[in-house]
Amino acid sequence: MKEKIMEEKRKLGTGLQVWLWIIFVLNIITALGALAAVVGSAALGVGPVYTVLCVVSFLLEIVLIVGIAMLLFKSKKVGFYMICGAAVIGFVVNLITYGLVSGLTAINIGRAVVGLVVCPLVTYLLAKNDWDYLS
Protein backbone atom coordinates (compact mmCIF):
# COMPACT_ATOMS: atom_id res chain seq x y z
CA MET A 1 0.00 0.00 0.00
CA LYS A 2 2.79 2.43 0.91
CA GLU A 3 4.53 1.69 -2.40
CA LYS A 4 1.36 2.59 -4.30
CA ILE A 5 1.13 5.94 -2.50
CA MET A 6 4.78 6.68 -3.30
CA GLU A 7 4.14 5.78 -6.94
CA GLU A 8 1.13 8.13 -7.08
CA LYS A 9 3.22 11.00 -5.72
CA ARG A 10 5.41 10.93 -8.81
CA LYS A 11 2.58 11.05 -11.33
CA LEU A 12 1.61 14.51 -12.52
CA GLY A 13 -1.58 15.50 -14.32
CA THR A 14 -1.56 15.29 -18.10
CA GLY A 15 -2.16 19.02 -18.58
CA LEU A 16 0.73 19.87 -16.29
CA GLN A 17 3.02 17.39 -18.03
CA VAL A 18 2.18 18.81 -21.47
CA TRP A 19 2.71 22.37 -20.26
CA LEU A 20 6.03 21.49 -18.63
CA TRP A 21 7.25 19.77 -21.79
CA ILE A 22 6.30 22.82 -23.87
CA ILE A 23 8.10 25.29 -21.63
CA PHE A 24 11.02 22.88 -21.21
CA VAL A 25 11.64 22.79 -24.97
CA LEU A 26 10.99 26.52 -25.43
CA ASN A 27 13.42 27.42 -22.64
CA ILE A 28 16.12 25.21 -24.14
CA ILE A 29 15.69 27.08 -27.42
CA THR A 30 15.71 30.41 -25.58
CA ALA A 31 18.86 29.40 -23.68
CA LEU A 32 20.59 28.72 -26.98
CA GLY A 33 19.51 32.16 -28.20
CA ALA A 34 20.77 33.76 -24.99
CA LEU A 35 24.09 31.97 -25.40
CA ALA A 36 24.33 33.29 -28.96
CA ALA A 37 23.60 36.79 -27.61
CA VAL A 38 26.40 36.43 -25.07
CA VAL A 39 28.87 35.38 -27.75
CA GLY A 40 27.64 38.02 -30.17
CA SER A 41 27.70 40.88 -27.67
CA ALA A 42 31.20 39.93 -26.53
CA ALA A 43 32.45 39.64 -30.12
CA LEU A 44 30.88 42.90 -31.25
CA GLY A 45 31.93 44.83 -28.19
CA VAL A 46 28.51 46.40 -27.63
CA GLY A 47 29.33 47.21 -24.04
CA PRO A 48 30.02 45.41 -20.81
CA VAL A 49 26.61 46.16 -19.27
CA TYR A 50 24.72 44.57 -22.15
CA THR A 51 27.09 41.59 -22.17
CA VAL A 52 26.53 41.07 -18.44
CA LEU A 53 22.75 41.24 -18.97
CA CYS A 54 23.07 38.60 -21.70
CA VAL A 55 25.06 36.36 -19.35
CA VAL A 56 22.48 36.82 -16.58
CA SER A 57 19.69 36.01 -19.05
CA PHE A 58 21.49 32.84 -20.09
CA LEU A 59 21.99 31.79 -16.46
CA LEU A 60 18.31 32.46 -15.71
CA GLU A 61 17.35 30.21 -18.61
CA ILE A 62 19.52 27.45 -17.13
CA VAL A 63 17.81 27.92 -13.74
CA LEU A 64 14.41 27.74 -15.46
CA ILE A 65 15.37 24.58 -17.33
CA VAL A 66 16.61 22.93 -14.12
CA GLY A 67 13.46 24.03 -12.25
CA ILE A 68 11.18 22.69 -14.96
CA ALA A 69 13.13 19.43 -15.09
CA MET A 70 12.88 19.01 -11.31
CA LEU A 71 9.13 19.51 -11.46
CA LEU A 72 8.62 17.39 -14.56
CA PHE A 73 10.95 14.47 -13.90
CA LYS A 74 11.28 14.40 -10.09
CA SER A 75 7.95 15.95 -8.98
CA LYS A 76 9.77 18.36 -6.67
CA LYS A 77 8.08 21.54 -5.45
CA VAL A 78 11.44 23.28 -5.39
CA GLY A 79 11.28 23.26 -9.19
CA PHE A 80 8.21 25.49 -9.07
CA TYR A 81 9.96 27.85 -6.67
CA MET A 82 12.95 28.00 -9.01
CA ILE A 83 10.60 28.91 -11.87
CA CYS A 84 9.09 31.72 -9.78
CA GLY A 85 12.47 33.03 -8.64
CA ALA A 86 13.83 33.05 -12.17
CA ALA A 87 10.70 34.88 -13.36
CA VAL A 88 11.15 37.64 -10.76
CA ILE A 89 14.85 38.11 -11.54
CA GLY A 90 14.05 37.89 -15.26
CA PHE A 91 11.51 40.70 -14.83
CA VAL A 92 14.20 42.99 -13.41
CA VAL A 93 16.68 41.99 -16.13
CA ASN A 94 14.05 42.63 -18.82
CA LEU A 95 13.29 46.09 -17.45
CA ILE A 96 16.98 46.98 -17.37
CA THR A 97 17.54 45.59 -20.88
CA TYR A 98 14.52 47.40 -22.30
CA GLY A 99 15.68 50.57 -20.59
CA LEU A 100 19.10 50.30 -22.21
CA VAL A 101 18.03 49.19 -25.66
CA SER A 102 14.69 50.77 -26.52
CA GLY A 103 13.41 52.64 -23.49
CA LEU A 104 10.87 51.81 -20.83
CA THR A 105 7.72 52.23 -22.88
CA ALA A 106 4.36 50.87 -21.80
CA ILE A 107 4.69 48.05 -24.34
CA ASN A 108 8.09 47.01 -22.99
CA ILE A 109 6.87 47.13 -19.41
CA GLY A 110 3.88 45.03 -20.48
CA ARG A 111 6.21 42.48 -22.08
CA ALA A 112 8.23 42.26 -18.87
CA VAL A 113 5.06 41.79 -16.79
CA VAL A 114 3.85 39.02 -19.11
CA GLY A 115 7.20 37.28 -18.70
CA LEU A 116 6.86 37.62 -14.94
CA VAL A 117 3.31 36.30 -14.69
CA VAL A 118 2.48 33.80 -17.45
CA CYS A 119 4.83 30.88 -16.84
CA PRO A 120 4.54 30.74 -13.03
CA LEU A 121 0.78 31.37 -13.08
CA VAL A 122 -0.05 28.73 -15.69
CA THR A 123 2.29 26.28 -13.96
CA TYR A 124 0.62 26.94 -10.60
CA LEU A 125 -2.90 26.63 -12.00
CA LEU A 126 -2.06 23.32 -13.61
CA ALA A 127 -0.12 22.04 -10.59
CA LYS A 128 -2.54 23.05 -7.83
CA ASN A 129 -4.46 19.76 -8.07
CA ASP A 130 -1.19 17.82 -7.82
CA TRP A 131 0.36 20.06 -5.15
CA ASP A 132 -0.13 17.57 -2.30
CA TYR A 133 1.52 14.83 -4.35
CA LEU A 134 4.66 16.87 -5.02
CA SER A 135 7.54 16.37 -2.64
C-alpha atoms as a PDB file:
ATOM      1  CA  MET A   1       0.000   0.000   0.000  1.00  0.00           C
ATOM      2  CA  LYS A   2       2.791   2.427   0.909  1.00  0.00           C
ATOM      3  CA  GLU A   3       4.532   1.690  -2.404  1.00  0.00           C
ATOM      4  CA  LYS A   4       1.357   2.586  -4.304  1.00  0.00           C
ATOM      5  CA  ILE A   5       1.133   5.943  -2.496  1.00  0.00           C
ATOM      6  CA  MET A   6       4.778   6.680  -3.299  1.00  0.00           C
ATOM      7  CA  GLU A   7       4.138   5.777  -6.939  1.00  0.00           C
ATOM      8  CA  GLU A   8       1.130   8.132  -7.081  1.00  0.00           C
ATOM      9  CA  LYS A   9       3.218  11.004  -5.718  1.00  0.00           C
ATOM     10  CA  ARG A  10       5.408  10.929  -8.806  1.00  0.00           C
ATOM     11  CA  LYS A  11       2.576  11.045 -11.327  1.00  0.00           C
ATOM     12  CA  LEU A  12       1.610  14.509 -12.524  1.00  0.00           C
ATOM     13  CA  GLY A  13      -1.576  15.501 -14.320  1.00  0.00           C
ATOM     14  CA  THR A  14      -1.562  15.291 -18.103  1.00  0.00           C
ATOM     15  CA  GLY A  15      -2.161  19.023 -18.585  1.00  0.00           C
ATOM     16  CA  LEU A  16       0.731  19.873 -16.286  1.00  0.00           C
ATOM     17  CA  GLN A  17       3.022  17.393 -18.032  1.00  0.00           C
ATOM     18  CA  VAL A  18       2.179  18.809 -21.467  1.00  0.00           C
ATOM     19  CA  TRP A  19       2.710  22.373 -20.263  1.00  0.00           C
ATOM     20  CA  LEU A  20       6.027  21.492 -18.630  1.00  0.00           C
ATOM     21  CA  TRP A  21       7.253  19.773 -21.785  1.00  0.00           C
ATOM     22  CA  ILE A  22       6.296  22.816 -23.869  1.00  0.00           C
ATOM     23  CA  ILE A  23       8.101  25.294 -21.625  1.00  0.00           C
ATOM     24  CA  PHE A  24      11.022  22.881 -21.207  1.00  0.00           C
ATOM     25  CA  VAL A  25      11.638  22.786 -24.966  1.00  0.00           C
ATOM     26  CA  LEU A  26      10.995  26.516 -25.428  1.00  0.00           C
ATOM     27  CA  ASN A  27      13.420  27.418 -22.638  1.00  0.00           C
ATOM     28  CA  ILE A  28      16.122  25.210 -24.137  1.00  0.00           C
ATOM     29  CA  ILE A  29      15.694  27.082 -27.424  1.00  0.00           C
ATOM     30  CA  THR A  30      15.712  30.412 -25.576  1.00  0.00           C
ATOM     31  CA  ALA A  31      18.863  29.404 -23.678  1.00  0.00           C
ATOM     32  CA  LEU A  32      20.595  28.718 -26.982  1.00  0.00           C
ATOM     33  CA  GLY A  33      19.511  32.163 -28.204  1.00  0.00           C
ATOM     34  CA  ALA A  34      20.768  33.760 -24.994  1.00  0.00           C
ATOM     35  CA  LEU A  35      24.094  31.972 -25.399  1.00  0.00           C
ATOM     36  CA  ALA A  36      24.330  33.294 -28.958  1.00  0.00           C
ATOM     37  CA  ALA A  37      23.596  36.794 -27.613  1.00  0.00           C
ATOM     38  CA  VAL A  38      26.404  36.433 -25.068  1.00  0.00           C
ATOM     39  CA  VAL A  39      28.872  35.383 -27.746  1.00  0.00           C
ATOM     40  CA  GLY A  40      27.645  38.025 -30.172  1.00  0.00           C
ATOM     41  CA  SER A  41      27.704  40.880 -27.666  1.00  0.00           C
ATOM     42  CA  ALA A  42      31.204  39.930 -26.529  1.00  0.00           C
ATOM     43  CA  ALA A  43      32.454  39.637 -30.115  1.00  0.00           C
ATOM     44  CA  LEU A  44      30.875  42.900 -31.255  1.00  0.00           C
ATOM     45  CA  GLY A  45      31.934  44.835 -28.186  1.00  0.00           C
ATOM     46  CA  VAL A  46      28.510  46.396 -27.632  1.00  0.00           C
ATOM     47  CA  GLY A  47      29.334  47.210 -24.039  1.00  0.00           C
ATOM     48  CA  PRO A  48      30.019  45.412 -20.814  1.00  0.00           C
ATOM     49  CA  VAL A  49      26.607  46.158 -19.266  1.00  0.00           C
ATOM     50  CA  TYR A  50      24.717  44.571 -22.148  1.00  0.00           C
ATOM     51  CA  THR A  51      27.094  41.585 -22.165  1.00  0.00           C
ATOM     52  CA  VAL A  52      26.531  41.068 -18.437  1.00  0.00           C
ATOM     53  CA  LEU A  53      22.747  41.240 -18.973  1.00  0.00           C
ATOM     54  CA  CYS A  54      23.073  38.600 -21.700  1.00  0.00           C
ATOM     55  CA  VAL A  55      25.064  36.364 -19.352  1.00  0.00           C
ATOM     56  CA  VAL A  56      22.479  36.821 -16.581  1.00  0.00           C
ATOM     57  CA  SER A  57      19.690  36.009 -19.048  1.00  0.00           C
ATOM     58  CA  PHE A  58      21.494  32.843 -20.089  1.00  0.00           C
ATOM     59  CA  LEU A  59      21.988  31.794 -16.459  1.00  0.00           C
ATOM     60  CA  LEU A  60      18.315  32.459 -15.714  1.00  0.00           C
ATOM     61  CA  GLU A  61      17.354  30.209 -18.607  1.00  0.00           C
ATOM     62  CA  ILE A  62      19.524  27.455 -17.126  1.00  0.00           C
ATOM     63  CA  VAL A  63      17.806  27.923 -13.737  1.00  0.00           C
ATOM     64  CA  LEU A  64      14.411  27.744 -15.464  1.00  0.00           C
ATOM     65  CA  ILE A  65      15.369  24.579 -17.325  1.00  0.00           C
ATOM     66  CA  VAL A  66      16.607  22.931 -14.122  1.00  0.00           C
ATOM     67  CA  GLY A  67      13.461  24.026 -12.249  1.00  0.00           C
ATOM     68  CA  ILE A  68      11.178  22.688 -14.955  1.00  0.00           C
ATOM     69  CA  ALA A  69      13.125  19.432 -15.091  1.00  0.00           C
ATOM     70  CA  MET A  70      12.880  19.013 -11.312  1.00  0.00           C
ATOM     71  CA  LEU A  71       9.127  19.509 -11.458  1.00  0.00           C
ATOM     72  CA  LEU A  72       8.624  17.390 -14.562  1.00  0.00           C
ATOM     73  CA  PHE A  73      10.951  14.474 -13.897  1.00  0.00           C
ATOM     74  CA  LYS A  74      11.285  14.400 -10.092  1.00  0.00           C
ATOM     75  CA  SER A  75       7.947  15.951  -8.980  1.00  0.00           C
ATOM     76  CA  LYS A  76       9.774  18.356  -6.674  1.00  0.00           C
ATOM     77  CA  LYS A  77       8.076  21.543  -5.448  1.00  0.00           C
ATOM     78  CA  VAL A  78      11.444  23.284  -5.385  1.00  0.00           C
ATOM     79  CA  GLY A  79      11.283  23.256  -9.194  1.00  0.00           C
ATOM     80  CA  PHE A  80       8.210  25.490  -9.065  1.00  0.00           C
ATOM     81  CA  TYR A  81       9.957  27.851  -6.666  1.00  0.00           C
ATOM     82  CA  MET A  82      12.953  27.999  -9.011  1.00  0.00           C
ATOM     83  CA  ILE A  83      10.604  28.914 -11.874  1.00  0.00           C
ATOM     84  CA  CYS A  84       9.088  31.723  -9.780  1.00  0.00           C
ATOM     85  CA  GLY A  85      12.473  33.026  -8.637  1.00  0.00           C
ATOM     86  CA  ALA A  86      13.834  33.053 -12.170  1.00  0.00           C
ATOM     87  CA  ALA A  87      10.699  34.879 -13.356  1.00  0.00           C
ATOM     88  CA  VAL A  88      11.149  37.637 -10.762  1.00  0.00           C
ATOM     89  CA  ILE A  89      14.846  38.110 -11.536  1.00  0.00           C
ATOM     90  CA  GLY A  90      14.054  37.895 -15.259  1.00  0.00           C
ATOM     91  CA  PHE A  91      11.507  40.697 -14.827  1.00  0.00           C
ATOM     92  CA  VAL A  92      14.197  42.987 -13.407  1.00  0.00           C
ATOM     93  CA  VAL A  93      16.679  41.992 -16.133  1.00  0.00           C
ATOM     94  CA  ASN A  94      14.051  42.627 -18.820  1.00  0.00           C
ATOM     95  CA  LEU A  95      13.287  46.092 -17.450  1.00  0.00           C
ATOM     96  CA  ILE A  96      16.984  46.982 -17.373  1.00  0.00           C
ATOM     97  CA  THR A  97      17.537  45.585 -20.878  1.00  0.00           C
ATOM     98  CA  TYR A  98      14.519  47.400 -22.304  1.00  0.00           C
ATOM     99  CA  GLY A  99      15.678  50.573 -20.587  1.00  0.00           C
ATOM    100  CA  LEU A 100      19.105  50.300 -22.207  1.00  0.00           C
ATOM    101  CA  VAL A 101      18.029  49.192 -25.663  1.00  0.00           C
ATOM    102  CA  SER A 102      14.694  50.769 -26.524  1.00  0.00           C
ATOM    103  CA  GLY A 103      13.414  52.643 -23.491  1.00  0.00           C
ATOM    104  CA  LEU A 104      10.866  51.814 -20.829  1.00  0.00           C
ATOM    105  CA  THR A 105       7.720  52.227 -22.883  1.00  0.00           C
ATOM    106  CA  ALA A 106       4.359  50.871 -21.799  1.00  0.00           C
ATOM    107  CA  ILE A 107       4.693  48.055 -24.341  1.00  0.00           C
ATOM    108  CA  ASN A 108       8.092  47.008 -22.995  1.00  0.00           C
ATOM    109  CA  ILE A 109       6.875  47.127 -19.405  1.00  0.00           C
ATOM    110  CA  GLY A 110       3.885  45.026 -20.478  1.00  0.00           C
ATOM    111  CA  ARG A 111       6.209  42.479 -22.076  1.00  0.00           C
ATOM    112  CA  ALA A 112       8.227  42.264 -18.866  1.00  0.00           C
ATOM    113  CA  VAL A 113       5.057  41.786 -16.793  1.00  0.00           C
ATOM    114  CA  VAL A 114       3.848  39.023 -19.115  1.00  0.00           C
ATOM    115  CA  GLY A 115       7.196  37.279 -18.695  1.00  0.00           C
ATOM    116  CA  LEU A 116       6.861  37.624 -14.936  1.00  0.00           C
ATOM    117  CA  VAL A 117       3.307  36.298 -14.693  1.00  0.00           C
ATOM    118  CA  VAL A 118       2.480  33.802 -17.447  1.00  0.00           C
ATOM    119  CA  CYS A 119       4.834  30.875 -16.845  1.00  0.00           C
ATOM    120  CA  PRO A 120       4.539  30.739 -13.033  1.00  0.00           C
ATOM    121  CA  LEU A 121       0.780  31.371 -13.079  1.00  0.00           C
ATOM    122  CA  VAL A 122      -0.048  28.729 -15.688  1.00  0.00           C
ATOM    123  CA  THR A 123       2.288  26.279 -13.961  1.00  0.00           C
ATOM    124  CA  TYR A 124       0.625  26.936 -10.599  1.00  0.00           C
ATOM    125  CA  LEU A 125      -2.905  26.634 -11.999  1.00  0.00           C
ATOM    126  CA  LEU A 126      -2.058  23.316 -13.613  1.00  0.00           C
ATOM    127  CA  ALA A 127      -0.120  22.036 -10.588  1.00  0.00           C
ATOM    128  CA  LYS A 128      -2.536  23.050  -7.825  1.00  0.00           C
ATOM    129  CA  ASN A 129      -4.464  19.757  -8.067  1.00  0.00           C
ATOM    130  CA  ASP A 130      -1.191  17.820  -7.824  1.00  0.00           C
ATOM    131  CA  TRP A 131       0.355  20.063  -5.150  1.00  0.00           C
ATOM    132  CA  ASP A 132      -0.130  17.570  -2.299  1.00  0.00           C
ATOM    133  CA  TYR A 133       1.523  14.832  -4.349  1.00  0.00           C
ATOM    134  CA  LEU A 134       4.661  16.873  -5.022  1.00  0.00           C
ATOM    135  CA  SER A 135       7.538  16.366  -2.641  1.00  0.00           C
END
